Amino acid sequence: CFGKDSNLVLNDINYLFDEIDFNNLLSIEGLAVLWKRF
């Protein structure tokens, strides 16, 4: 859509979403851990 290299786009997506334990979405303690990262 935006005329980008798909590998670079995937790198961006992986940076944002990789190494995230999505179970952290289930509690305030987990959200605070995600908050620290972002």
PDB file of all heavy atoms in Angstrom:
ATOM      1  N   CYS A   1       0.817  -1.217   0.000  1.00  0.00           N
ATOM      2  CA  CYS A   1       0.000   0.000   0.000  1.00  0.00           C
ATOM      3  C   CYS A   1       0.849   1.264   0.000  1.00  0.00           C
ATOM      4  O   CYS A   1       0.579   2.205  -0.756  1.00  0.00           O
ATOM      5  CB  CYS A   1      -0.928  -0.006   1.214  1.00  0.00           C
ATOM      6  SG  CYS A   1      -1.943   1.484   1.370  1.00  0.00           S
ATOM      7  N   PHE A   2       1.888   1.294   0.836  1.00  0.00           N
ATOM      8  CA  PHE A   2       2.648   2.534   1.032  1.00  0.00           C
ATOM      9  C   PHE A   2       3.995   2.540   0.312  1.00  0.00           C
ATOM     10  O   PHE A   2       4.784   3.463   0.499  1.00  0.00           O
ATOM     11  CB  PHE A   2       2.852   2.769   2.531  1.00  0.00           C
ATOM     12  CG  PHE A   2       1.577   3.102   3.258  1.00  0.00           C
ATOM     13  CD1 PHE A   2       0.946   2.147   4.044  1.00  0.00           C
ATOM     14  CD2 PHE A   2       0.990   4.347   3.130  1.00  0.00           C
ATOM     15  CE1 PHE A   2      -0.238   2.442   4.718  1.00  0.00           C
ATOM     16  CE2 PHE A   2      -0.190   4.658   3.796  1.00  0.00           C
ATOM     17  CZ  PHE A   2      -0.813   3.701   4.583  1.00  0.00           C
ATOM     18  N   GLY A   3       4.245   1.531  -0.521  1.00  0.00           N
ATOM     19  CA  GLY A   3       5.475   1.523  -1.297  1.00  0.00           C
ATOM     20  C   GLY A   3       6.718   1.328  -0.458  1.00  0.00           C
ATOM     21  O   GLY A   3       7.725   2.015  -0.656  1.00  0.00           O
ATOM     22  N   LYS A   4       6.668   0.372   0.474  1.00  0.00           N
ATOM     23  CA  LYS A   4       7.786   0.109   1.380  1.00  0.00           C
ATOM     24  C   LYS A   4       8.375  -1.271   1.113  1.00  0.00           C
ATOM     25  O   LYS A   4       7.764  -2.113   0.447  1.00  0.00           O
ATOM     26  CB  LYS A   4       7.321   0.184   2.843  1.00  0.00           C
ATOM     27  CG  LYS A   4       6.608   1.468   3.231  1.00  0.00           C
ATOM     28  CD  LYS A   4       7.533   2.666   3.199  1.00  0.00           C
ATOM     29  CE  LYS A   4       6.798   3.927   3.634  1.00  0.00           C
ATOM     30  NZ  LYS A   4       7.678   5.112   3.639  1.00  0.00           N
ATOM     31  N   ASP A   5       9.547  -1.504   1.655  1.00  0.00           N
ATOM     32  CA  ASP A   5      10.152  -2.827   1.644  1.00  0.00           C
ATOM     33  C   ASP A   5       9.460  -3.665   2.720  1.00  0.00           C
ATOM     34  O   ASP A   5       9.451  -3.290   3.900  1.00  0.00           O
ATOM     35  CB  ASP A   5      11.649  -2.700   1.938  1.00  0.00           C
ATOM     36  CG  ASP A   5      12.384  -4.030   1.895  1.00  0.00           C
ATOM     37  OD1 ASP A   5      11.871  -5.016   2.464  1.00  0.00           O
ATOM     38  OD2 ASP A   5      13.487  -4.088   1.330  1.00  0.00           O
ATOM     39  N   SER A   6       8.889  -4.801   2.342  1.00  0.00           N
ATOM     40  CA  SER A   6       8.118  -5.597   3.298  1.00  0.00           C
ATOM     41  C   SER A   6       8.976  -6.108   4.449  1.00  0.00           C
ATOM     42  O   SER A   6       8.485  -6.280   5.567  1.00  0.00           O
ATOM     43  CB  SER A   6       7.425  -6.764   2.598  1.00  0.00           C
ATOM     44  OG  SER A   6       8.371  -7.637   2.008  1.00  0.00           O
ATOM     45  N   ASN A   7      10.261  -6.344   4.194  1.00  0.00           N
ATOM     46  CA  ASN A   7      11.150  -6.785   5.274  1.00  0.00           C
ATOM     47  C   ASN A   7      11.346  -5.692   6.313  1.00  0.00           C
ATOM     48  O   ASN A   7      11.396  -5.966   7.518  1.00  0.00           O
ATOM     49  CB  ASN A   7      12.496  -7.230   4.717  1.00  0.00           C
ATOM     50  CG  ASN A   7      12.397  -8.512   3.920  1.00  0.00           C
ATOM     51  OD1 ASN A   7      11.677  -9.433   4.309  1.00  0.00           O
ATOM     52  ND2 ASN A   7      13.099  -8.572   2.796  1.00  0.00           N
ATOM     53  N   LEU A   8      11.450  -4.437   5.856  1.00  0.00           N
ATOM     54  CA  LEU A   8      11.587  -3.315   6.789  1.00  0.00           C
ATOM     55  C   LEU A   8      10.302  -3.113   7.588  1.00  0.00           C
ATOM     56  O   LEU A   8      10.342  -2.810   8.787  1.00  0.00           O
ATOM     57  CB  LEU A   8      11.956  -2.034   6.039  1.00  0.00           C
ATOM     58  CG  LEU A   8      13.322  -2.009   5.357  1.00  0.00           C
ATOM     59  CD1 LEU A   8      13.529  -0.685   4.621  1.00  0.00           C
ATOM     60  CD2 LEU A   8      14.441  -2.243   6.371  1.00  0.00           C
ATOM     61  N   VAL A   9       9.167  -3.288   6.931  1.00  0.00           N
ATOM     62  CA  VAL A   9       7.890  -3.168   7.641  1.00  0.00           C
ATOM     63  C   VAL A   9       7.772  -4.265   8.697  1.00  0.00           C
ATOM     64  O   VAL A   9       7.371  -4.001   9.845  1.00  0.00           O
ATOM     65  CB  VAL A   9       6.705  -3.245   6.660  1.00  0.00           C
ATOM     66  CG1 VAL A   9       5.381  -3.211   7.430  1.00  0.00           C
ATOM     67  CG2 VAL A   9       6.757  -2.097   5.662  1.00  0.00           C
ATOM     68  N   LEU A  10       8.146  -5.480   8.338  1.00  0.00           N
ATOM     69  CA  LEU A  10       8.084  -6.576   9.306  1.00  0.00           C
ATOM     70  C   LEU A  10       9.034  -6.325  10.468  1.00  0.00           C
ATOM     71  O   LEU A  10       8.691  -6.628  11.626  1.00  0.00           O
ATOM     72  CB  LEU A  10       8.420  -7.900   8.630  1.00  0.00           C
ATOM     73  CG  LEU A  10       8.301  -9.152   9.506  1.00  0.00           C
ATOM     74  CD1 LEU A  10       6.887  -9.294  10.073  1.00  0.00           C
ATOM     75  CD2 LEU A  10       8.672 -10.402   8.710  1.00  0.00           C
ATOM     76  N   ASN A  11      10.200  -5.744  10.195  1.00  0.00           N
ATOM     77  CA  ASN A  11      11.128  -5.393  11.281  1.00  0.00           C
ATOM     78  C   ASN A  11      10.478  -4.411  12.249  1.00  0.00           C
ATOM     79  O   ASN A  11      10.617  -4.534  13.471  1.00  0.00           O
ATOM     80  CB  ASN A  11      12.410  -4.786  10.713  1.00  0.00           C
ATOM     81  CG  ASN A  11      13.309  -5.812  10.044  1.00  0.00           C
ATOM     82  OD1 ASN A  11      13.163  -7.006  10.256  1.00  0.00           O
ATOM     83  ND2 ASN A  11      14.234  -5.334   9.230  1.00  0.00           N
ATOM     84  N   ASP A  12       9.766  -3.421  11.701  1.00  0.00           N
ATOM     85  CA  ASP A  12       9.060  -2.451  12.556  1.00  0.00           C
ATOM     86  C   ASP A  12       8.010  -3.156  13.415  1.00  0.00           C
ATOM     87  O   ASP A  12       7.903  -2.910  14.623  1.00  0.00           O
ATOM     88  CB  ASP A  12       8.358  -1.400  11.691  1.00  0.00           C
ATOM     89  CG  ASP A  12       9.286  -0.304  11.197  1.00  0.00           C
ATOM     90  OD1 ASP A  12      10.514  -0.418  11.410  1.00  0.00           O
ATOM     91  OD2 ASP A  12       8.782   0.663  10.591  1.00  0.00           O
ATOM     92  N   ILE A  13       7.221  -4.016  12.784  1.00  0.00           N
ATOM     93  CA  ILE A  13       6.164  -4.724  13.499  1.00  0.00           C
ATOM     94  C   ILE A  13       6.759  -5.609  14.592  1.00  0.00           C
ATOM     95  O   ILE A  13       6.254  -5.647  15.725  1.00  0.00           O
ATOM     96  CB  ILE A  13       5.310  -5.544  12.520  1.00  0.00           C
ATOM     97  CG1 ILE A  13       4.488  -4.603  11.629  1.00  0.00           C
ATOM     98  CG2 ILE A  13       4.384  -6.502  13.265  1.00  0.00           C
ATOM     99  CD1 ILE A  13       3.769  -5.298  10.485  1.00  0.00           C
ATOM    100  N   ASN A  14       7.827  -6.316  14.253  1.00  0.00           N
ATOM    101  CA  ASN A  14       8.468  -7.184  15.248  1.00  0.00           C
ATOM    102  C   ASN A  14       9.014  -6.373  16.417  1.00  0.00           C
ATOM    103  O   ASN A  14       8.932  -6.797  17.573  1.00  0.00           O
ATOM    104  CB  ASN A  14       9.585  -7.995  14.600  1.00  0.00           C
ATOM    105  CG  ASN A  14       9.066  -9.127  13.745  1.00  0.00           C
ATOM    106  OD1 ASN A  14       7.939  -9.586  13.928  1.00  0.00           O
ATOM    107  ND2 ASN A  14       9.861  -9.584  12.796  1.00  0.00           N
ATOM    108  N   TYR A  15       9.558  -5.201  16.123  1.00  0.00           N
ATOM    109  CA  TYR A  15      10.088  -4.356  17.200  1.00  0.00           C
ATOM    110  C   TYR A  15       8.974  -3.969  18.171  1.00  0.00           C
ATOM    111  O   TYR A  15       9.172  -3.983  19.396  1.00  0.00           O
ATOM    112  CB  TYR A  15      10.737  -3.098  16.629  1.00  0.00           C
ATOM    113  CG  TYR A  15      11.373  -2.214  17.689  1.00  0.00           C
ATOM    114  CD1 TYR A  15      12.726  -2.329  17.995  1.00  0.00           C
ATOM    115  CD2 TYR A  15      10.622  -1.275  18.391  1.00  0.00           C
ATOM    116  CE1 TYR A  15      13.312  -1.537  18.971  1.00  0.00           C
ATOM    117  CE2 TYR A  15      11.195  -0.484  19.373  1.00  0.00           C
ATOM    118  CZ  TYR A  15      12.542  -0.614  19.652  1.00  0.00           C
ATOM    119  OH  TYR A  15      13.111   0.169  20.639  1.00  0.00           O
ATOM    120  N   LEU A  16       7.815  -3.641  17.613  1.00  0.00           N
ATOM    121  CA  LEU A  16       6.718  -3.182  18.468  1.00  0.00           C
ATOM    122  C   LEU A  16       6.087  -4.328  19.258  1.00  0.00           C
ATOM    123  O   LEU A  16       5.737  -4.162  20.430  1.00  0.00           O
ATOM    124  CB  LEU A  16       5.642  -2.501  17.607  1.00  0.00           C
ATOM    125  CG  LEU A  16       4.520  -1.783  18.375  1.00  0.00           C
ATOM    126  CD1 LEU A  16       5.073  -0.598  19.150  1.00  0.00           C
ATOM    127  CD2 LEU A  16       3.429  -1.312  17.415  1.00  0.00           C
ATOM    128  N   PHE A  17       5.971  -5.506  18.629  1.00  0.00           N
ATOM    129  CA  PHE A  17       5.176  -6.571  19.227  1.00  0.00           C
ATOM    130  C   PHE A  17       5.974  -7.740  19.778  1.00  0.00           C
ATOM    131  O   PHE A  17       5.458  -8.502  20.597  1.00  0.00           O
ATOM    132  CB  PHE A  17       4.159  -7.102  18.208  1.00  0.00           C
ATOM    133  CG  PHE A  17       3.044  -6.150  17.908  1.00  0.00           C
ATOM    134  CD1 PHE A  17       3.102  -5.329  16.792  1.00  0.00           C
ATOM    135  CD2 PHE A  17       1.953  -6.056  18.739  1.00  0.00           C
ATOM    136  CE1 PHE A  17       2.079  -4.434  16.512  1.00  0.00           C
ATOM    137  CE2 PHE A  17       0.928  -5.169  18.473  1.00  0.00           C
ATOM    138  CZ  PHE A  17       0.982  -4.357  17.355  1.00  0.00           C
ATOM    139  N   ASP A  18       7.205  -7.954  19.323  1.00  0.00           N
ATOM    140  CA  ASP A  18       7.976  -9.094  19.813  1.00  0.00           C
ATOM    141  C   ASP A  18       8.374  -8.903  21.273  1.00  0.00           C
ATOM    142  O   ASP A  18       8.415  -7.784  21.786  1.00  0.00           O
ATOM    143  CB  ASP A  18       9.236  -9.309  18.972  1.00  0.00           C
ATOM    144  CG  ASP A  18       8.962 -10.193  17.752  1.00  0.00           C
ATOM    145  OD1 ASP A  18       7.774 -10.488  17.507  1.00  0.00           O
ATOM    146  OD2 ASP A  18       9.916 -10.558  17.045  1.00  0.00           O
ATOM    147  N   GLU A  19       8.673  -9.978  21.912  1.00  0.00           N
ATOM    148  CA  GLU A  19       9.121  -9.993  23.308  1.00  0.00           C
ATOM    149  C   GLU A  19       8.070  -9.434  24.261  1.00  0.00           C
ATOM    150  O   GLU A  19       8.394  -8.935  25.346  1.00  0.00           O
ATOM    151  CB  GLU A  19      10.450  -9.239  23.475  1.00  0.00           C
ATOM    152  CG  GLU A  19      11.581  -9.834  22.641  1.00  0.00           C
ATOM    153  CD  GLU A  19      12.879  -9.073  22.805  1.00  0.00           C
ATOM    154  OE1 GLU A  19      12.929  -8.168  23.663  1.00  0.00           O
ATOM    155  OE2 GLU A  19      13.825  -9.385  22.082  1.00  0.00           O
ATOM    156  N   ILE A  20       6.820  -9.493  23.822  1.00  0.00           N
ATOM    157  CA  ILE A  20       5.717  -9.076  24.688  1.00  0.00           C
ATOM    158  C   ILE A  20       4.974 -10.317  25.147  1.00  0.00           C
ATOM    159  O   ILE A  20       4.584 -11.156  24.331  1.00  0.00           O
ATOM    160  CB  ILE A  20       4.749  -8.125  23.956  1.00  0.00           C
ATOM    161  CG1 ILE A  20       5.418  -6.796  23.666  1.00  0.00           C
ATOM    162  CG2 ILE A  20       3.483  -7.912  24.781  1.00  0.00           C
ATOM    163  CD1 ILE A  20       4.536  -5.834  22.900  1.00  0.00           C
ATOM    164  N   ASP A  21       4.800 -10.446  26.440  1.00  0.00           N
ATOM    165  CA  ASP A  21       3.941 -11.497  26.979  1.00  0.00           C
ATOM    166  C   ASP A  21       2.531 -10.926  27.049  1.00  0.00           C
ATOM    167  O   ASP A  21       2.217 -10.094  27.906  1.00  0.00           O
ATOM    168  CB  ASP A  21       4.428 -11.914  28.373  1.00  0.00           C
ATOM    169  CG  ASP A  21       3.560 -13.008  28.988  1.00  0.00           C
ATOM    170  OD1 ASP A  21       2.543 -13.382  28.368  1.00  0.00           O
ATOM    171  OD2 ASP A  21       3.896 -13.464  30.100  1.00  0.00           O
ATOM    172  N   PHE A  22       1.673 -11.361  26.117  1.00  0.00           N
ATOM    173  CA  PHE A  22       0.344 -10.776  26.036  1.00  0.00           C
ATOM    174  C   PHE A  22      -0.550 -11.159  27.208  1.00  0.00           C
ATOM    175  O   PHE A  22      -1.610 -10.565  27.390  1.00  0.00           O
ATOM    176  CB  PHE A  22      -0.298 -11.133  24.704  1.00  0.00           C
ATOM    177  CG  PHE A  22       0.334 -10.420  23.535  1.00  0.00           C
ATOM    178  CD1 PHE A  22       1.129 -11.113  22.639  1.00  0.00           C
ATOM    179  CD2 PHE A  22       0.168  -9.062  23.363  1.00  0.00           C
ATOM    180  CE1 PHE A  22       1.729 -10.460  21.573  1.00  0.00           C
ATOM    181  CE2 PHE A  22       0.755  -8.399  22.310  1.00  0.00           C
ATOM    182  CZ  PHE A  22       1.541  -9.099  21.411  1.00  0.00           C
ATOM    183  N   ASN A  23      -0.123 -12.102  28.022  1.00  0.00           N
ATOM    184  CA  ASN A  23      -0.849 -12.363  29.260  1.00  0.00           C
ATOM    185  C   ASN A  23      -0.759 -11.181  30.219  1.00  0.00           C
ATOM    186  O   ASN A  23      -1.540 -11.086  31.170  1.00  0.00           O
ATOM    187  CB  ASN A  23      -0.320 -13.628  29.933  1.00  0.00           C
ATOM    188  CG  ASN A  23      -0.734 -14.889  29.190  1.00  0.00           C
ATOM    189  OD1 ASN A  23      -1.890 -15.038  28.804  1.00  0.00           O
ATOM    190  ND2 ASN A  23       0.210 -15.784  28.955  1.00  0.00           N
ATOM    191  N   ASN A  24       0.191 -10.283  29.950  1.00  0.00           N
ATOM    192  CA  ASN A  24       0.291  -9.071  30.767  1.00  0.00           C
ATOM    193  C   ASN A  24      -0.927  -8.169  30.613  1.00  0.00           C
ATOM    194  O   ASN A  24      -1.130  -7.251  31.421  1.00  0.00           O
ATOM    195  CB  ASN A  24       1.556  -8.289  30.407  1.00  0.00           C
ATOM    196  CG  ASN A  24       2.795  -8.886  31.037  1.00  0.00           C
ATOM    197  OD1 ASN A  24       2.732  -9.490  32.106  1.00  0.00           O
ATOM    198  ND2 ASN A  24       3.932  -8.732  30.386  1.00  0.00           N
ATOM    199  N   LEU A  25      -1.735  -8.418  29.583  1.00  0.00           N
ATOM    200  CA  LEU A  25      -2.947  -7.625  29.395  1.00  0.00           C
ATOM    201  C   LEU A  25      -4.037  -7.979  30.398  1.00  0.00           C
ATOM    202  O   LEU A  25      -5.060  -7.303  30.463  1.00  0.00           O
ATOM    203  CB  LEU A  25      -3.485  -7.812  27.977  1.00  0.00           C
ATOM    204  CG  LEU A  25      -2.575  -7.376  26.838  1.00  0.00           C
ATOM    205  CD1 LEU A  25      -3.170  -7.790  25.499  1.00  0.00           C
ATOM    206  CD2 LEU A  25      -2.335  -5.874  26.866  1.00  0.00           C
ATOM    207  N   LEU A  26      -3.807  -9.014  31.191  1.00  0.00           N
ATOM    208  CA  LEU A  26      -4.849  -9.523  32.080  1.00  0.00           C
ATOM    209  C   LEU A  26      -4.823  -8.914  33.472  1.00  0.00           C
ATOM    210  O   LEU A  26      -5.715  -9.195  34.275  1.00  0.00           O
ATOM    211  CB  LEU A  26      -4.721 -11.051  32.192  1.00  0.00           C
ATOM    212  CG  LEU A  26      -4.841 -11.839  30.890  1.00  0.00           C
ATOM    213  CD1 LEU A  26      -4.574 -13.323  31.145  1.00  0.00           C
ATOM    214  CD2 LEU A  26      -6.216 -11.643  30.248  1.00  0.00           C
ATOM    215  N   SER A  27      -3.819  -8.113  33.795  1.00  0.00           N
ATOM    216  CA  SER A  27      -3.712  -7.585  35.163  1.00  0.00           C
ATOM    217  C   SER A  27      -3.054  -6.219  35.164  1.00  0.00           C
ATOM    218  O   SER A  27      -2.331  -5.852  34.236  1.00  0.00           O
ATOM    219  CB  SER A  27      -2.880  -8.538  36.031  1.00  0.00           C
ATOM    220  OG  SER A  27      -1.521  -8.532  35.602  1.00  0.00           O
ATOM    221  N   ILE A  28      -3.286  -5.474  36.225  1.00  0.00           N
ATOM    222  CA  ILE A  28      -2.655  -4.162  36.364  1.00  0.00           C
ATOM    223  C   ILE A  28      -1.148  -4.302  36.483  1.00  0.00           C
ATOM    224  O   ILE A  28      -0.391  -3.484  35.955  1.00  0.00           O
ATOM    225  CB  ILE A  28      -3.247  -3.386  37.562  1.00  0.00           C
ATOM    226  CG1 ILE A  28      -2.687  -1.957  37.604  1.00  0.00           C
ATOM    227  CG2 ILE A  28      -2.998  -4.120  38.877  1.00  0.00           C
ATOM    228  CD1 ILE A  28      -3.354  -1.085  38.654  1.00  0.00           C
ATOM    229  N   GLU A  29      -0.687  -5.355  37.143  1.00  0.00           N
ATOM    230  CA  GLU A  29       0.755  -5.591  37.271  1.00  0.00           C
ATOM    231  C   GLU A  29       1.376  -5.832  35.898  1.00  0.00           C
ATOM    232  O   GLU A  29       2.449  -5.300  35.583  1.00  0.00           O
ATOM    233  CB  GLU A  29       1.026  -6.773  38.190  1.00  0.00           C
ATOM    234  CG  GLU A  29       0.636  -6.568  39.637  1.00  0.00           C
ATOM    235  CD  GLU A  29      -0.855  -6.768  39.906  1.00  0.00           C
ATOM    236  OE1 GLU A  29      -1.580  -7.237  38.991  1.00  0.00           O
ATOM    237  OE2 GLU A  29      -1.304  -6.455  41.036  1.00  0.00           O
ATOM    238  N   GLY A  30       0.689  -6.626  35.084  1.00  0.00           N
ATOM    239  CA  GLY A  30       1.191  -6.896  33.738  1.00  0.00           C
ATOM    240  C   GLY A  30       1.189  -5.655  32.867  1.00  0.00           C
ATOM    241  O   GLY A  30       2.141  -5.411  32.109  1.00  0.00           O
ATOM    242  N   LEU A  31       0.132  -4.842  32.967  1.00  0.00           N
ATOM    243  CA  LEU A  31       0.083  -3.607  32.193  1.00  0.00           C
ATOM    244  C   LEU A  31       1.228  -2.676  32.562  1.00  0.00           C
ATOM    245  O   LEU A  31       1.795  -1.995  31.696  1.00  0.00           O
ATOM    246  CB  LEU A  31      -1.253  -2.896  32.419  1.00  0.00           C
ATOM    247  CG  LEU A  31      -2.485  -3.515  31.765  1.00  0.00           C
ATOM    248  CD1 LEU A  31      -3.729  -2.708  32.130  1.00  0.00           C
ATOM    249  CD2 LEU A  31      -2.330  -3.589  30.251  1.00  0.00           C
ATOM    250  N   ALA A  32       1.586  -2.654  33.836  1.00  0.00           N
ATOM    251  CA  ALA A  32       2.692  -1.795  34.269  1.00  0.00           C
ATOM    252  C   ALA A  32       4.021  -2.266  33.682  1.00  0.00           C
ATOM    253  O   ALA A  32       4.891  -1.454  33.356  1.00  0.00           O
ATOM    254  CB  ALA A  32       2.764  -1.752  35.793  1.00  0.00           C
ATOM    255  N   VAL A  33       4.182  -3.579  33.529  1.00  0.00           N
ATOM    256  CA  VAL A  33       5.387  -4.117  32.892  1.00  0.00           C
ATOM    257  C   VAL A  33       5.449  -3.677  31.424  1.00  0.00           C
ATOM    258  O   VAL A  33       6.507  -3.266  30.921  1.00  0.00           O
ATOM    259  CB  VAL A  33       5.418  -5.656  33.002  1.00  0.00           C
ATOM    260  CG1 VAL A  33       6.537  -6.240  32.136  1.00  0.00           C
ATOM    261  CG2 VAL A  33       5.604  -6.070  34.451  1.00  0.00           C
ATOM    262  N   LEU A  34       4.319  -3.760  30.721  1.00  0.00           N
ATOM    263  CA  LEU A  34       4.272  -3.293  29.338  1.00  0.00           C
ATOM    264  C   LEU A  34       4.527  -1.795  29.260  1.00  0.00           C
ATOM    265  O   LEU A  34       5.215  -1.309  28.358  1.00  0.00           O
ATOM    266  CB  LEU A  34       2.910  -3.614  28.715  1.00  0.00           C
ATOM    267  CG  LEU A  34       2.574  -5.086  28.515  1.00  0.00           C
ATOM    268  CD1 LEU A  34       1.160  -5.232  27.952  1.00  0.00           C
ATOM    269  CD2 LEU A  34       3.574  -5.758  27.590  1.00  0.00           C
ATOM    270  N   TRP A  35       3.974  -1.062  30.202  1.00  0.00           N
ATOM    271  CA  TRP A  35       4.158   0.395  30.264  1.00  0.00           C
ATOM    272  C   TRP A  35       5.641   0.734  30.378  1.00  0.00           C
ATOM    273  O   TRP A  35       6.131   1.640  29.697  1.00  0.00           O
ATOM    274  CB  TRP A  35       3.382   0.927  31.469  1.00  0.00           C
ATOM    275  CG  TRP A  35       3.276   2.408  31.596  1.00  0.00           C
ATOM    276  CD1 TRP A  35       3.978   3.213  32.449  1.00  0.00           C
ATOM    277  CD2 TRP A  35       2.372   3.277  30.894  1.00  0.00           C
ATOM    278  NE1 TRP A  35       3.578   4.523  32.323  1.00  0.00           N
ATOM    279  CE2 TRP A  35       2.590   4.582  31.376  1.00  0.00           C
ATOM    280  CE3 TRP A  35       1.410   3.060  29.918  1.00  0.00           C
ATOM    281  CZ2 TRP A  35       1.880   5.679  30.899  1.00  0.00           C
ATOM    282  CZ3 TRP A  35       0.702   4.157  29.449  1.00  0.00           C
ATOM    283  CH2 TRP A  35       0.935   5.437  29.931  1.00  0.00           C
ATOM    284  N   LYS A  36       6.343   0.013  31.213  1.00  0.00           N
ATOM    285  CA  LYS A  36       7.783   0.237  31.403  1.00  0.00           C
ATOM    286  C   LYS A  36       8.529   0.074  30.079  1.00  0.00           C
ATOM    287  O   LYS A  36       9.392   0.891  29.739  1.00  0.00           O
ATOM    288  CB  LYS A  36       8.330  -0.750  32.440  1.00  0.00           C
ATOM    289  CG  LYS A  36       9.829  -0.625  32.721  1.00  0.00           C
ATOM    290  CD  LYS A  36      10.246  -1.656  33.758  1.00  0.00           C
ATOM    291  CE  LYS A  36      11.743  -1.588  34.040  1.00  0.00           C
ATOM    292  NZ  LYS A  36      12.093  -0.387  34.815  1.00  0.00           N
ATOM    293  N   ARG A  37       8.157  -0.945  29.314  1.00  0.00           N
ATOM    294  CA  ARG A  37       8.834  -1.194  28.030  1.00  0.00           C
ATOM    295  C   ARG A  37       8.546  -0.092  27.035  1.00  0.00           C
ATOM    296  O   ARG A  37       9.457   0.449  26.388  1.00  0.00           O
ATOM    297  CB  ARG A  37       8.378  -2.535  27.454  1.00  0.00           C
ATOM    298  CG  ARG A  37       9.000  -2.869  26.092  1.00  0.00           C
ATOM    299  CD  ARG A  37       8.405  -4.166  25.535  1.00  0.00           C
ATOM    300  NE  ARG A  37       9.053  -4.599  24.315  1.00  0.00           N
ATOM    301  CZ  ARG A  37       8.706  -4.188  23.103  1.00  0.00           C
ATOM    302  NH1 ARG A  37       7.734  -3.300  22.967  1.00  0.00           N
ATOM    303  NH2 ARG A  37       9.336  -4.645  22.024  1.00  0.00           N
ATOM    304  N   PHE A  38       7.274   0.274  26.872  1.00  0.00           N
ATOM    305  CA  PHE A  38       6.921   1.225  25.830  1.00  0.00           C
ATOM    306  C   PHE A  38       7.338   2.651  26.173  1.00  0.00           C
ATOM    307  O   PHE A  38       7.778   3.403  25.299  1.00  0.00           O
ATOM    308  CB  PHE A  38       5.416   1.166  25.544  1.00  0.00           C
ATOM    309  CG  PHE A  38       5.005  -0.047  24.773  1.00  0.00           C
ATOM    310  CD1 PHE A  38       4.144  -0.986  25.325  1.00  0.00           C
ATOM    311  CD2 PHE A  38       5.490  -0.275  23.498  1.00  0.00           C
ATOM    312  CE1 PHE A  38       3.769  -2.115  24.617  1.00  0.00           C
ATOM    313  CE2 PHE A  38       5.123  -1.399  22.784  1.00  0.00           C
ATOM    314  CZ  PHE A  38       4.260  -2.326  23.336  1.00  0.00           C
TER     315      PHE A  38
END
